[in-house]
C-alpha atoms as a PDB file:
ATOM      1  CA  MET A   1       3.582 -22.860 -27.813  1.00  0.00           C
ATOM      2  CA  THR A   2       5.074 -25.105 -25.310  1.00  0.00           C
ATOM      3  CA  GLU A   3       5.286 -23.225 -22.230  1.00  0.00           C
ATOM      4  CA  ALA A   4       2.930 -23.817 -19.692  1.00  0.00           C
ATOM      5  CA  LEU A   5       0.208 -20.685 -19.536  1.00  0.00           C
ATOM      6  CA  ILE A   6       0.423 -19.132 -15.735  1.00  0.00           C
ATOM      7  CA  PHE A   7      -2.498 -17.164 -15.007  1.00  0.00           C
ATOM      8  CA  GLU A   8      -3.064 -14.751 -12.010  1.00  0.00           C
ATOM      9  CA  ALA A   9      -6.304 -14.468 -10.397  1.00  0.00           C
ATOM     10  CA  ALA A  10      -6.582 -10.781  -8.902  1.00  0.00           C
ATOM     11  CA  ILE A  11      -9.486 -11.413  -6.390  1.00  0.00           C
ATOM     12  CA  ASN A  12     -10.861  -8.132  -5.249  1.00  0.00           C
ATOM     13  CA  GLY A  13      -8.902  -4.799  -5.826  1.00  0.00           C
ATOM     14  CA  ALA A  14     -11.206  -2.268  -4.707  1.00  0.00           C
ATOM     15  CA  THR A  15     -13.736  -3.700  -6.098  1.00  0.00           C
ATOM     16  CA  SER A  16     -17.066  -3.289  -3.665  1.00  0.00           C
ATOM     17  CA  LYS A  17     -19.884  -5.414  -2.841  1.00  0.00           C
ATOM     18  CA  ALA A  18     -21.990  -2.664  -4.370  1.00  0.00           C
ATOM     19  CA  VAL A  19     -20.548  -3.208  -7.860  1.00  0.00           C
ATOM     20  CA  ASN A  20     -20.281  -6.971  -7.670  1.00  0.00           C
ATOM     21  CA  PRO A  21     -21.955  -8.869  -4.347  1.00  0.00           C
ATOM     22  CA  ASN A  22     -19.610 -11.827  -5.255  1.00  0.00           C
ATOM     23  CA  VAL A  23     -16.348 -10.129  -4.637  1.00  0.00           C
ATOM     24  CA  PRO A  24     -14.447 -11.396  -1.754  1.00  0.00           C
ATOM     25  CA  ARG A  25     -13.731  -8.931   1.081  1.00  0.00           C
ATOM     26  CA  THR A  26     -13.695 -10.683   4.423  1.00  0.00           C
ATOM     27  CA  VAL A  27     -10.540 -12.878   5.153  1.00  0.00           C
ATOM     28  CA  ALA A  28     -13.195 -15.986   5.235  1.00  0.00           C
ATOM     29  CA  GLU A  29     -14.469 -14.969   1.195  1.00  0.00           C
ATOM     30  CA  ILE A  30     -10.607 -14.095   0.282  1.00  0.00           C
ATOM     31  CA  VAL A  31      -9.839 -17.811   1.632  1.00  0.00           C
ATOM     32  CA  ALA A  32     -12.503 -19.268  -0.342  1.00  0.00           C
ATOM     33  CA  SER A  33     -12.225 -17.528  -3.663  1.00  0.00           C
ATOM     34  CA  ALA A  34      -8.194 -18.385  -3.575  1.00  0.00           C
ATOM     35  CA  ARG A  35      -8.606 -21.721  -2.995  1.00  0.00           C
ATOM     36  CA  GLY A  36     -11.464 -21.638  -5.826  1.00  0.00           C
ATOM     37  CA  CYS A  37      -9.725 -20.106  -8.182  1.00  0.00           C
ATOM     38  CA  LEU A  38      -6.423 -22.356  -7.464  1.00  0.00           C
ATOM     39  CA  GLU A  39      -8.557 -25.406  -8.149  1.00  0.00           C
ATOM     40  CA  ALA A  40      -9.667 -23.919 -11.568  1.00  0.00           C
ATOM     41  CA  GLY A  41      -6.286 -23.492 -12.581  1.00  0.00           C
ATOM     42  CA  ALA A  42      -4.957 -20.389 -11.493  1.00  0.00           C
ATOM     43  CA  ALA A  43      -1.542 -20.364 -10.041  1.00  0.00           C
ATOM     44  CA  ILE A  44      -1.212 -16.775  -8.745  1.00  0.00           C
ATOM     45  CA  ILE A  45      -3.428 -14.927  -6.272  1.00  0.00           C
ATOM     46  CA  HIS A  46      -3.240 -11.749  -5.946  1.00  0.00           C
ATOM     47  CA  ASN A  47      -5.697  -9.632  -3.553  1.00  0.00           C
ATOM     48  CA  HIS A  48      -5.973  -6.442  -1.439  1.00  0.00           C
ATOM     49  CA  ASN A  49      -7.053  -5.647   2.143  1.00  0.00           C
ATOM     50  CA  GLU A  50      -9.436  -2.982   2.908  1.00  0.00           C
ATOM     51  CA  GLU A  51      -6.842  -0.336   2.859  1.00  0.00           C
ATOM     52  CA  GLY A  52      -6.798   1.602  -0.512  1.00  0.00           C
ATOM     53  CA  LEU A  53      -4.414   3.661  -2.651  1.00  0.00           C
ATOM     54  CA  ILE A  54      -4.462   6.621  -0.285  1.00  0.00           C
ATOM     55  CA  HIS A  55      -3.293   5.023   2.676  1.00  0.00           C
ATOM     56  CA  GLY A  56       0.413   4.688   3.375  1.00  0.00           C
ATOM     57  CA  ARG A  57       0.401   1.948   5.756  1.00  0.00           C
ATOM     58  CA  HIS A  58      -1.500  -1.143   5.014  1.00  0.00           C
ATOM     59  CA  ALA A  59      -1.911  -3.948   7.454  1.00  0.00           C
ATOM     60  CA  SER A  60       0.381  -7.434   7.116  1.00  0.00           C
ATOM     61  CA  GLU A  61      -1.799  -9.252   9.581  1.00  0.00           C
ATOM     62  CA  PRO A  62      -5.035  -9.772   7.601  1.00  0.00           C
ATOM     63  CA  TYR A  63      -2.701 -10.951   4.628  1.00  0.00           C
ATOM     64  CA  ARG A  64      -1.065 -13.404   6.926  1.00  0.00           C
ATOM     65  CA  GLU A  65      -4.251 -14.570   8.476  1.00  0.00           C
ATOM     66  CA  ALA A  66      -5.886 -15.655   4.963  1.00  0.00           C
ATOM     67  CA  TRP A  67      -2.598 -16.819   3.052  1.00  0.00           C
ATOM     68  CA  THR A  68      -1.859 -19.313   6.107  1.00  0.00           C
ATOM     69  CA  GLN A  69      -5.219 -21.094   5.171  1.00  0.00           C
ATOM     70  CA  VAL A  70      -4.403 -20.883   1.479  1.00  0.00           C
ATOM     71  CA  TYR A  71      -1.069 -22.420   2.055  1.00  0.00           C
ATOM     72  CA  ALA A  72      -2.712 -25.029   4.144  1.00  0.00           C
ATOM     73  CA  ASN A  73      -4.570 -26.480   1.124  1.00  0.00           C
ATOM     74  CA  CYS A  74      -1.962 -25.525  -1.665  1.00  0.00           C
ATOM     75  CA  PRO A  75       1.623 -24.827  -0.050  1.00  0.00           C
ATOM     76  CA  ASP A  76       3.237 -24.020  -3.575  1.00  0.00           C
ATOM     77  CA  ALA A  77       0.543 -21.238  -4.093  1.00  0.00           C
ATOM     78  CA  VAL A  78       2.196 -17.778  -5.238  1.00  0.00           C
ATOM     79  CA  LEU A  79       0.594 -15.181  -3.119  1.00  0.00           C
ATOM     80  CA  TYR A  80       1.131 -11.610  -3.110  1.00  0.00           C
ATOM     81  CA  PRO A  81      -0.611  -7.974  -1.984  1.00  0.00           C
ATOM     82  CA  THR A  82      -0.730  -4.538  -2.897  1.00  0.00           C
ATOM     83  CA  MET A  83       0.540  -1.288  -1.529  1.00  0.00           C
ATOM     84  CA  GLY A  84      -0.379   2.532  -0.872  1.00  0.00           C
ATOM     85  CA  GLY A  85       0.093   5.365  -3.212  1.00  0.00           C
ATOM     86  CA  GLY A  86       3.161   7.635  -2.682  1.00  0.00           C
ATOM     87  CA  GLY A  87       2.743  11.426  -1.937  1.00  0.00           C
ATOM     88  CA  ALA A  88       3.464  13.888   0.581  1.00  0.00           C
ATOM     89  CA  HIS A  89       1.507  12.218   2.999  1.00  0.00           C
ATOM     90  CA  THR A  90       3.791   8.960   2.984  1.00  0.00           C
ATOM     91  CA  ASN A  91       6.887   7.284   2.223  1.00  0.00           C
ATOM     92  CA  ILE A  92       8.275   4.015   0.415  1.00  0.00           C
ATOM     93  CA  ARG A  93       9.239   2.820   3.619  1.00  0.00           C
ATOM     94  CA  GLU A  94       5.781   3.143   5.213  1.00  0.00           C
ATOM     95  CA  ARG A  95       4.133   1.909   2.156  1.00  0.00           C
ATOM     96  CA  TYR A  96       6.337  -1.539   1.936  1.00  0.00           C
ATOM     97  CA  ALA A  97       6.654  -2.174   5.647  1.00  0.00           C
ATOM     98  CA  HIS A  98       3.945  -4.847   5.315  1.00  0.00           C
ATOM     99  CA  ILE A  99       5.751  -6.431   2.457  1.00  0.00           C
ATOM    100  CA  GLU A 100       8.593  -6.694   4.654  1.00  0.00           C
ATOM    101  CA  GLU A 101       7.261  -7.796   7.363  1.00  0.00           C
ATOM    102  CA  LEU A 102       5.025 -10.727   5.266  1.00  0.00           C
ATOM    103  CA  ALA A 103       8.533 -11.960   3.631  1.00  0.00           C
ATOM    104  CA  ASP A 104      10.067 -11.782   7.546  1.00  0.00           C
ATOM    105  CA  ALA A 105       7.551 -13.716   8.472  1.00  0.00           C
ATOM    106  CA  GLY A 106       7.818 -16.484   5.650  1.00  0.00           C
ATOM    107  CA  VAL A 107       4.740 -16.067   3.994  1.00  0.00           C
ATOM    108  CA  LEU A 108       5.774 -14.085   0.999  1.00  0.00           C
ATOM    109  CA  ARG A 109       7.855 -14.983  -2.036  1.00  0.00           C
ATOM    110  CA  VAL A 110       7.137 -12.438  -4.745  1.00  0.00           C
ATOM    111  CA  THR A 111       6.141  -9.108  -4.698  1.00  0.00           C
ATOM    112  CA  LEU A 112       5.189  -5.981  -6.536  1.00  0.00           C
ATOM    113  CA  ILE A 113       7.285  -3.579  -8.205  1.00  0.00           C
ATOM    114  CA  ASP A 114       5.210  -0.450  -9.569  1.00  0.00           C
ATOM    115  CA  PRO A 115       8.438   1.485 -11.886  1.00  0.00           C
ATOM    116  CA  GLY A 116       6.484   4.866 -12.273  1.00  0.00           C
ATOM    117  CA  SER A 117       3.980   7.581 -11.935  1.00  0.00           C
ATOM    118  CA  LEU A 118       0.385   8.128 -13.260  1.00  0.00           C
ATOM    119  CA  ASN A 119      -2.875   9.669 -13.182  1.00  0.00           C
ATOM    120  CA  ILE A 120      -5.927   7.027 -13.060  1.00  0.00           C
ATOM    121  CA  ALA A 121      -9.527   7.779 -12.300  1.00  0.00           C
ATOM    122  CA  PRO A 122     -12.739   6.086 -13.564  1.00  0.00           C
ATOM    123  CA  ILE A 123     -14.369   7.678 -16.575  1.00  0.00           C
ATOM    124  CA  GLY A 124     -17.498  10.215 -15.799  1.00  0.00           C
ATOM    125  CA  SER A 125     -20.639  10.251 -17.236  1.00  0.00           C
ATOM    126  CA  ALA A 126     -19.439  13.082 -19.831  1.00  0.00           C
ATOM    127  CA  GLY A 127     -16.519  11.123 -21.100  1.00  0.00           C
ATOM    128  CA  PRO A 128     -13.517  12.533 -19.649  1.00  0.00           C
ATOM    129  CA  PRO A 129     -12.206  11.366 -16.115  1.00  0.00           C
ATOM    130  CA  VAL A 130     -13.358  12.205 -12.918  1.00  0.00           C
ATOM    131  CA  ALA A 131     -11.466  15.335 -11.872  1.00  0.00           C
ATOM    132  CA  ILE A 132      -9.933  13.862  -9.004  1.00  0.00           C
ATOM    133  CA  ASP A 133      -6.752  15.445  -7.184  1.00  0.00           C
ATOM    134  CA  PHE A 134      -5.115  11.876  -7.001  1.00  0.00           C
ATOM    135  CA  ALA A 135      -1.730  10.699  -8.580  1.00  0.00           C
ATOM    136  CA  TYR A 136      -0.543   7.163  -7.935  1.00  0.00           C
ATOM    137  CA  GLN A 137       3.142   8.438  -7.161  1.00  0.00           C
ATOM    138  CA  ASN A 138       6.482   5.922  -7.279  1.00  0.00           C
ATOM    139  CA  THR A 139       9.669   8.246  -7.680  1.00  0.00           C
ATOM    140  CA  PHE A 140      12.777   6.879  -8.750  1.00  0.00           C
ATOM    141  CA  ALA A 141      14.206   6.792  -5.513  1.00  0.00           C
ATOM    142  CA  ASP A 142      11.092   4.433  -4.347  1.00  0.00           C
ATOM    143  CA  VAL A 143      11.741   2.397  -7.315  1.00  0.00           C
ATOM    144  CA  ARG A 144      15.336   1.743  -5.984  1.00  0.00           C
ATOM    145  CA  TYR A 145      13.863   0.816  -2.580  1.00  0.00           C
ATOM    146  CA  MET A 146      11.757  -1.760  -3.944  1.00  0.00           C
ATOM    147  CA  ILE A 147      14.323  -3.313  -5.886  1.00  0.00           C
ATOM    148  CA  ASP A 148      16.687  -3.309  -2.820  1.00  0.00           C
ATOM    149  CA  VAL A 149      14.030  -4.880  -0.598  1.00  0.00           C
ATOM    150  CA  CYS A 150      13.472  -7.445  -3.083  1.00  0.00           C
ATOM    151  CA  LYS A 151      17.103  -8.346  -3.419  1.00  0.00           C
ATOM    152  CA  GLY A 152      17.634  -8.109   0.216  1.00  0.00           C
ATOM    153  CA  ARG A 153      15.151 -10.516   1.194  1.00  0.00           C
ATOM    154  CA  ASN A 154      14.942 -13.019  -1.880  1.00  0.00           C
ATOM    155  CA  LEU A 155      12.015 -11.570  -3.407  1.00  0.00           C
ATOM    156  CA  ALA A 156      10.529 -12.140  -6.932  1.00  0.00           C
ATOM    157  CA  ALA A 157       8.576  -9.563  -8.529  1.00  0.00           C
ATOM    158  CA  SER A 158       5.568  -8.498 -10.333  1.00  0.00           C
ATOM    159  CA  VAL A 159       6.399  -5.658 -12.025  1.00  0.00           C
ATOM    160  CA  SER A 160       3.343  -3.421 -12.719  1.00  0.00           C
ATOM    161  CA  ILE A 161       3.512  -1.521 -16.225  1.00  0.00           C
ATOM    162  CA  PHE A 162       0.814   1.123 -16.559  1.00  0.00           C
ATOM    163  CA  GLU A 163       2.642   3.185 -19.171  1.00  0.00           C
ATOM    164  CA  PRO A 164       5.578   2.681 -21.541  1.00  0.00           C
ATOM    165  CA  GLY A 165       8.243   4.754 -19.701  1.00  0.00           C
ATOM    166  CA  PHE A 166       7.470   1.978 -16.854  1.00  0.00           C
ATOM    167  CA  LEU A 167       8.676  -0.709 -18.566  1.00  0.00           C
ATOM    168  CA  ARG A 168      11.751   1.466 -20.118  1.00  0.00           C
ATOM    169  CA  LEU A 169      12.921   2.032 -16.312  1.00  0.00           C
ATOM    170  CA  ALA A 170      12.468  -2.048 -15.389  1.00  0.00           C
ATOM    171  CA  LEU A 171      14.364  -2.851 -18.856  1.00  0.00           C
ATOM    172  CA  ALA A 172      17.137  -0.470 -17.600  1.00  0.00           C
ATOM    173  CA  TYR A 173      17.537  -2.191 -14.178  1.00  0.00           C
ATOM    174  CA  HIS A 174      17.198  -5.572 -15.853  1.00  0.00           C
ATOM    175  CA  ALA A 175      20.179  -4.708 -18.597  1.00  0.00           C
ATOM    176  CA  ALA A 176      22.072  -3.534 -15.639  1.00  0.00           C
ATOM    177  CA  GLY A 177      21.441  -6.921 -13.697  1.00  0.00           C
ATOM    178  CA  GLU A 178      19.695  -5.732 -10.776  1.00  0.00           C
ATOM    179  CA  LEU A 179      15.967  -6.519 -11.613  1.00  0.00           C
ATOM    180  CA  PRO A 180      15.039  -9.495  -9.436  1.00  0.00           C
ATOM    181  CA  PRO A 181      13.325 -12.354 -11.041  1.00  0.00           C
ATOM    182  CA  ALA A 182      10.142 -11.062 -12.483  1.00  0.00           C
ATOM    183  CA  LYS A 183       7.356 -11.517 -14.465  1.00  0.00           C
ATOM    184  CA  ILE A 184       6.297  -8.033 -16.574  1.00  0.00           C
ATOM    185  CA  GLN A 185       2.845  -7.105 -15.751  1.00  0.00           C
ATOM    186  CA  LEU A 186       1.138  -5.073 -18.515  1.00  0.00           C
ATOM    187  CA  TYR A 187      -1.752  -3.055 -17.779  1.00  0.00           C
ATOM    188  CA  PHE A 188      -4.055  -2.234 -20.383  1.00  0.00           C
ATOM    189  CA  GLY A 189      -6.864   0.668 -19.782  1.00  0.00           C
ATOM    190  CA  GLY A 190     -10.224  -0.635 -20.616  1.00  0.00           C
ATOM    191  CA  PRO A 191     -13.281   1.399 -21.264  1.00  0.00           C
ATOM    192  CA  ALA A 192     -13.943   2.228 -17.594  1.00  0.00           C
ATOM    193  CA  LEU A 193     -10.203   3.805 -17.043  1.00  0.00           C
ATOM    194  CA  MET A 194      -8.233   6.081 -18.957  1.00  0.00           C
ATOM    195  CA  PHE A 195      -4.525   5.294 -18.546  1.00  0.00           C
ATOM    196  CA  GLY A 196      -2.124   3.774 -20.336  1.00  0.00           C
ATOM    197  CA  LEU A 197      -2.227   1.863 -23.692  1.00  0.00           C
ATOM    198  CA  PRO A 198      -5.715   0.352 -24.830  1.00  0.00           C
ATOM    199  CA  PRO A 199      -6.183  -3.454 -24.923  1.00  0.00           C
ATOM    200  CA  THR A 200      -5.367  -3.670 -29.181  1.00  0.00           C
ATOM    201  CA  THR A 201      -3.228  -5.749 -31.014  1.00  0.00           C
ATOM    202  CA  ALA A 202      -1.230  -2.477 -31.841  1.00  0.00           C
ATOM    203  CA  SER A 203      -0.498  -1.781 -27.842  1.00  0.00           C
ATOM    204  CA  LEU A 204       0.634  -5.465 -27.220  1.00  0.00           C
ATOM    205  CA  ASP A 205       2.817  -5.463 -30.178  1.00  0.00           C
ATOM    206  CA  ALA A 206       4.333  -2.251 -28.881  1.00  0.00           C
ATOM    207  CA  TYR A 207       5.266  -4.074 -25.387  1.00  0.00           C
ATOM    208  CA  ILE A 208       6.239  -7.380 -27.150  1.00  0.00           C
ATOM    209  CA  ASP A 209       8.663  -5.192 -29.266  1.00  0.00           C
ATOM    210  CA  MET A 210       9.939  -3.155 -26.522  1.00  0.00           C
ATOM    211  CA  LEU A 211      10.520  -6.934 -24.597  1.00  0.00           C
ATOM    212  CA  ALA A 212      12.153  -8.793 -27.500  1.00  0.00           C
ATOM    213  CA  GLU A 213      15.577  -8.774 -26.179  1.00  0.00           C
ATOM    214  CA  SER A 214      15.134  -9.215 -22.273  1.00  0.00           C
ATOM    215  CA  GLY A 215      13.808 -12.939 -22.343  1.00  0.00           C
ATOM    216  CA  LEU A 216      11.438 -11.415 -19.277  1.00  0.00           C
ATOM    217  CA  PRO A 217       8.040 -13.551 -19.227  1.00  0.00           C
ATOM    218  CA  TRP A 218       5.282 -11.343 -19.514  1.00  0.00           C
ATOM    219  CA  MET A 219       1.647 -10.954 -18.653  1.00  0.00           C
ATOM    220  CA  VAL A 220      -1.512  -9.058 -19.647  1.00  0.00           C
ATOM    221  CA  ALA A 221      -4.454  -7.485 -17.647  1.00  0.00           C
ATOM    222  CA  VAL A 222      -7.308  -5.115 -18.845  1.00  0.00           C
ATOM    223  CA  LEU A 223      -8.157  -2.972 -15.898  1.00  0.00           C
ATOM    224  CA  GLY A 224     -11.590  -1.648 -16.285  1.00  0.00           C
ATOM    225  CA  GLY A 225     -12.637  -4.113 -18.874  1.00  0.00           C
ATOM    226  CA  ASN A 226     -12.864  -7.701 -19.949  1.00  0.00           C
ATOM    227  CA  VAL A 227      -9.213  -9.344 -20.615  1.00  0.00           C
ATOM    228  CA  ALA A 228     -11.123 -12.197 -21.970  1.00  0.00           C
ATOM    229  CA  LYS A 229     -12.793 -10.418 -24.845  1.00  0.00           C
ATOM    230  CA  SER A 230      -9.621  -8.454 -25.851  1.00  0.00           C
ATOM    231  CA  LEU A 231      -5.978  -9.564 -25.088  1.00  0.00           C
ATOM    232  CA  ALA A 232      -6.349 -13.129 -23.580  1.00  0.00           C
ATOM    233  CA  GLU A 233      -6.655 -15.121 -26.716  1.00  0.00           C
ATOM    234  CA  LEU A 234      -3.704 -13.368 -28.454  1.00  0.00           C
ATOM    235  CA  ALA A 235      -1.670 -13.358 -25.473  1.00  0.00           C
ATOM    236  CA  ILE A 236      -2.185 -17.065 -25.490  1.00  0.00           C
ATOM    237  CA  GLU A 237      -1.104 -17.490 -29.064  1.00  0.00           C
ATOM    238  CA  ARG A 238       2.092 -15.058 -28.402  1.00  0.00           C
ATOM    239  CA  GLY A 239       3.587 -16.965 -25.563  1.00  0.00           C
ATOM    240  CA  GLY A 240       2.479 -14.738 -22.942  1.00  0.00           C
ATOM    241  CA  HIS A 241       0.299 -15.099 -19.574  1.00  0.00           C
ATOM    242  CA  VAL A 242      -3.100 -13.837 -18.498  1.00  0.00           C
ATOM    243  CA  ARG A 243      -4.280 -12.176 -15.305  1.00  0.00           C
ATOM    244  CA  VAL A 244      -8.259 -12.118 -14.676  1.00  0.00           C
ATOM    245  CA  GLY A 245     -10.525 -11.359 -11.917  1.00  0.00           C
ATOM    246  CA  LEU A 246     -12.882  -9.188  -9.980  1.00  0.00           C
ATOM    247  CA  GLU A 247      -9.994  -6.481  -9.346  1.00  0.00           C
ATOM    248  CA  ASP A 248      -9.913  -5.943 -13.336  1.00  0.00           C
ATOM    249  CA  TYR A 249     -13.621  -6.948 -14.554  1.00  0.00           C
ATOM    250  CA  ALA A 250     -15.946  -4.353 -16.046  1.00  0.00           C
ATOM    251  CA  GLY A 251     -18.615  -6.241 -17.983  1.00  0.00           C
ATOM    252  CA  PRO A 252     -21.859  -7.785 -17.900  1.00  0.00           C
ATOM    253  CA  GLY A 253     -23.306  -9.768 -14.993  1.00  0.00           C
ATOM    254  CA  THR A 254     -22.019 -10.171 -11.509  1.00  0.00           C
ATOM    255  CA  PRO A 255     -19.387 -13.321 -11.865  1.00  0.00           C
ATOM    256  CA  ARG A 256     -17.483 -14.886  -9.624  1.00  0.00           C
ATOM    257  CA  ASN A 257     -13.594 -15.108  -9.743  1.00  0.00           C
ATOM    258  CA  GLU A 258     -13.732 -18.717 -10.258  1.00  0.00           C
ATOM    259  CA  VAL A 259     -16.132 -18.231 -13.298  1.00  0.00           C
ATOM    260  CA  LEU A 260     -13.279 -15.897 -15.025  1.00  0.00           C
ATOM    261  CA  VAL A 261     -10.377 -18.160 -14.509  1.00  0.00           C
ATOM    262  CA  LYS A 262     -12.523 -21.384 -15.847  1.00  0.00           C
ATOM    263  CA  GLU A 263     -12.753 -19.001 -19.009  1.00  0.00           C
ATOM    264  CA  ILE A 264      -9.135 -18.359 -19.513  1.00  0.00           C
ATOM    265  CA  ALA A 265      -8.577 -21.998 -18.683  1.00  0.00           C
ATOM    266  CA  ASP A 266     -10.885 -23.568 -21.207  1.00  0.00           C
ATOM    267  CA  MET A 267      -9.388 -20.740 -24.026  1.00  0.00           C
ATOM    268  CA  ALA A 268      -5.949 -21.967 -22.957  1.00  0.00           C
ATOM    269  CA  ARG A 269      -6.711 -25.848 -23.768  1.00  0.00           C
ATOM    270  CA  ARG A 270      -8.513 -24.687 -26.754  1.00  0.00           C
ATOM    271  CA  HIS A 271      -4.998 -23.271 -28.047  1.00  0.00           C
ATOM    272  CA  GLY A 272      -2.948 -26.221 -26.742  1.00  0.00           C
ATOM    273  CA  ARG A 273      -1.412 -24.610 -23.863  1.00  0.00           C
ATOM    274  CA  ALA A 274      -1.244 -26.354 -20.801  1.00  0.00           C
ATOM    275  CA  LEU A 275      -2.218 -24.765 -17.529  1.00  0.00           C
ATOM    276  CA  ALA A 276       0.867 -23.910 -14.900  1.00  0.00           C
ATOM    277  CA  THR A 277       0.786 -25.340 -11.845  1.00  0.00           C
ATOM    278  CA  PRO A 278       1.758 -23.168  -8.921  1.00  0.00           C
ATOM    279  CA  ALA A 279       4.840 -24.692  -8.608  1.00  0.00           C
ATOM    280  CA  GLU A 280       5.480 -24.847 -12.649  1.00  0.00           C
ATOM    281  CA  ALA A 281       4.758 -21.147 -12.360  1.00  0.00           C
ATOM    282  CA  ALA A 282       7.126 -20.364  -9.440  1.00  0.00           C
ATOM    283  CA  THR A 283      10.049 -22.062 -11.683  1.00  0.00           C
ATOM    284  CA  ILE A 284       9.160 -20.309 -15.021  1.00  0.00           C
ATOM    285  CA  LEU A 285       8.864 -17.184 -13.002  1.00  0.00           C
ATOM    286  CA  GLY A 286      11.978 -17.306 -10.830  1.00  0.00           C
ATOM    287  CA  VAL A 287      10.092 -17.373  -7.442  1.00  0.00           C
ATOM    288  CA  PRO A 288      12.519 -18.932  -4.620  1.00  0.00           C
ATOM    289  CA  GLU A 289      11.161 -21.748  -2.758  1.00  0.00           C
ATOM    290  CA  ALA A 290       8.283 -21.773  -0.060  1.00  0.00           C
ATOM    291  CA  ARG A 291       9.721 -21.751   3.384  1.00  0.00           C
END
């Protein structure tokens, strides 16, 4: 395998200081963690602000404040945000507003497209998921809006695949020539979260089979688990890419993001795959040049 390995550091997500005191939450902490992960070999940084899935409108300024400082050290860095979930309390224009603002400000080159809806909750003490009344909702109309914004503002996309149906829709847009330059982000449900496919060889094989004729680059992540102990090595061997970070991690200890990044970097080197620089990752994924 000669193509360089791209890996993404998802540095915070909804993980709290109570879960891991090393998770970066303030702007200063996010900047320091992002810089450390880039130095350790990550090419893409994904972070959240303090808003969560239940908030329709996310602020763009904290992203802009942090990213401007990261770009000062690494102008080629590939950085992108999250967004809130859909539902009666909001709409896709509100949920995607910060993305359009960041693109218009010239600090965003790639964003997320989530082509589907799902139920997601942590596992309860008795085994089944906690009985919360929430679904992460993205209608077909929402997906159309996200794709149109990406095309209209010349943005590449990280296409989130939480369930196989998400991938079927993404591939339909790709077959129609309407999907922007994209990486397919394959999310597997680890022991702490019940959704999607489990992080097994058979699950990865199913997605690879679906992707076979598309030629789209793909990346694995395990939410509520540990990708280094499940799918990372298999993805590296099969030509895929890897996402790590404290947003996803559920394992022993309270590691820093940089430690998780280094673990995958060392694994890639053992398998003879070079690490993609941010500039190389942007080229592989079709991310437009920085403004």
